[in-house]
Protein backbone atom coordinates (compact mmCIF):
# COMPACT_ATOMS: atom_id res chain seq x y z
CA MET A 1 -4.44 -4.24 -20.82
CA LYS A 2 -4.68 -1.64 -18.10
CA VAL A 3 -7.14 1.19 -18.69
CA MET A 4 -6.89 4.39 -16.66
CA ASN A 5 -9.68 6.92 -16.90
CA LYS A 6 -8.28 10.43 -17.46
CA ARG A 7 -11.03 12.10 -15.44
CA ARG A 8 -10.42 9.81 -12.48
CA ILE A 9 -6.66 10.43 -12.69
CA LYS A 10 -7.34 14.18 -12.65
CA VAL A 11 -9.82 14.01 -9.74
CA LYS A 12 -7.38 11.96 -7.65
CA LYS A 13 -4.53 14.30 -8.65
CA SER A 14 -2.58 11.27 -9.82
CA GLU A 15 -1.15 12.63 -13.05
CA GLN A 16 2.46 12.20 -11.90
CA LEU A 17 1.77 8.73 -10.51
CA ALA A 18 0.26 7.58 -13.82
CA LEU A 19 3.21 9.04 -15.75
CA ASN A 20 5.70 7.40 -13.36
CA GLU A 21 3.97 4.04 -13.79
CA ARG A 22 4.17 4.29 -17.56
CA GLN A 23 7.83 5.32 -17.47
CA ALA A 24 8.78 2.56 -15.03
CA LEU A 25 6.98 -0.13 -17.02
CA ALA A 26 8.67 1.10 -20.23
CA ALA A 27 12.13 1.22 -18.65
CA VAL A 28 12.25 -2.32 -17.24
CA GLU A 29 12.47 -5.31 -19.56
CA SER A 30 12.64 -8.63 -17.77
CA ASN A 31 11.12 -12.08 -17.92
CA PHE A 32 10.30 -11.61 -14.23
CA VAL A 33 8.34 -8.35 -14.48
CA VAL A 34 5.16 -7.60 -16.42
CA ASN A 35 6.46 -5.59 -19.38
CA LEU A 36 4.84 -2.67 -21.19
CA LYS A 37 4.36 -3.40 -24.90
CA TYR A 38 2.41 -0.31 -26.05
CA CYS A 39 0.83 2.78 -24.60
CA PHE A 40 -1.81 4.98 -26.19
CA HIS A 41 -4.69 7.22 -25.18
CA SER A 42 -8.15 8.23 -26.29
CA LYS A 43 -10.17 11.29 -25.35
CA ASP A 44 -11.25 9.64 -22.09
CA ASP A 45 -8.69 6.94 -21.20
CA VAL A 46 -5.03 5.98 -21.13
CA TYR A 47 -4.25 2.41 -22.21
CA LEU A 48 -1.22 0.38 -21.17
CA ILE A 49 -0.79 -2.83 -23.14
CA LEU A 50 1.13 -5.26 -20.95
CA ASP A 51 2.43 -8.82 -21.31
CA LEU A 52 -0.41 -11.32 -21.35
CA MET A 53 -0.32 -13.37 -18.15
CA THR A 54 -2.76 -16.26 -18.48
CA GLY A 55 -1.60 -18.42 -15.59
CA GLY A 56 -3.18 -16.43 -12.76
CA ASP A 57 -1.41 -14.65 -9.94
CA LEU A 58 0.47 -16.29 -7.10
CA GLY A 59 -2.38 -15.70 -4.66
CA TYR A 60 -4.71 -17.70 -6.90
CA HIS A 61 -2.32 -20.67 -6.99
CA LEU A 62 -1.76 -20.52 -3.24
CA HIS A 63 -5.52 -20.50 -2.69
CA GLN A 64 -5.91 -23.51 -5.01
CA LYS A 65 -3.17 -25.56 -3.31
CA GLY A 66 -3.58 -24.36 0.27
CA ARG A 67 0.19 -24.39 0.71
CA PHE A 68 3.24 -24.81 -1.49
CA PRO A 69 5.92 -27.46 -1.01
CA LYS A 70 9.30 -26.03 0.01
CA LYS A 71 10.83 -26.38 -3.49
CA GLU A 72 7.90 -24.52 -5.06
CA CYS A 73 8.22 -21.74 -2.49
CA GLN A 74 11.90 -21.43 -3.33
CA TYR A 75 11.07 -21.31 -7.04
CA TYR A 76 8.52 -18.49 -6.66
CA ALA A 77 10.70 -16.58 -4.20
CA ALA A 78 13.64 -16.74 -6.63
CA ARG A 79 11.51 -15.45 -9.52
CA ILE A 80 10.20 -12.59 -7.37
CA MET A 81 13.73 -11.67 -6.29
CA LEU A 82 14.86 -11.64 -9.94
CA GLY A 83 11.96 -9.30 -10.73
CA LEU A 84 12.92 -7.01 -7.87
CA GLN A 85 16.55 -7.11 -9.05
CA ALA A 86 15.49 -6.06 -12.57
CA LEU A 87 13.67 -3.07 -11.05
CA HIS A 88 16.61 -2.22 -8.78
CA ASP A 89 19.05 -2.38 -11.70
CA LYS A 90 17.06 0.44 -13.33
CA LYS A 91 17.00 2.42 -10.04
CA TYR A 92 13.37 1.61 -9.23
CA VAL A 93 12.13 0.29 -5.93
CA TYR A 94 8.83 -1.48 -5.39
CA ARG A 95 7.06 0.24 -2.47
CA ASP A 96 4.03 -1.93 -1.89
CA LEU A 97 5.28 -5.52 -1.61
CA LYS A 98 2.76 -7.55 0.35
CA VAL A 99 3.74 -10.63 2.27
CA PRO A 100 0.54 -12.29 3.46
CA TYR A 101 1.20 -15.37 5.58
CA ALA A 102 -0.75 -18.56 5.01
CA ASN A 103 0.00 -21.95 6.54
CA ASP A 104 3.65 -21.10 7.36
CA TYR A 105 4.32 -20.21 3.73
CA PHE A 106 4.25 -16.82 2.12
CA SER A 107 3.02 -15.40 -1.14
CA LEU A 108 4.64 -12.36 -2.73
CA LEU A 109 2.63 -10.33 -5.21
CA PRO A 110 4.48 -9.37 -8.40
CA PRO A 111 5.82 -5.82 -8.78
CA ILE A 112 3.70 -3.50 -10.90
CA VAL A 113 3.98 0.09 -9.69
CA THR A 114 7.37 1.45 -8.74
CA SER A 115 9.02 4.64 -7.58
CA ILE A 116 12.20 6.17 -8.92
CA LEU A 117 15.12 6.24 -6.53
CA CYS A 118 17.12 9.46 -6.42
CA PRO A 119 20.68 8.76 -7.57
CA SER A 120 21.95 10.25 -4.30
CA ALA A 121 19.85 7.71 -2.37
CA CYS A 122 21.46 4.76 -4.16
CA ARG A 123 24.51 3.16 -2.69
CA GLU A 124 27.02 0.86 -4.32
CA PRO A 125 26.10 -2.84 -4.32
CA PHE A 126 25.72 -4.20 -0.80
């Protein structure tokens, strides 16, 4: 569950960003992206109920192992690319993908917040 305080959203002038996040999460359904299940609000907060992810993030697993074998890197990279493809198919692009390097291997953080692409900015498949 993600909880966003309405007052903090207002102070940071992030109303449109919060709305975009909710719309993007609702639009994309994929096994490779954290999906929005429900959304509701109270007087003070907005609640986004997301898929339960109990396994920890990729950074946690990389920290535990120190480095991934090549096959495991390929597995995680493929899952991340499928998540990015699911976003792209709905005309969303992830703007804050981090690629921290550690022991010659890399860890990609899963997409959460996206931005809508203008239809005029989209080209036909590469």
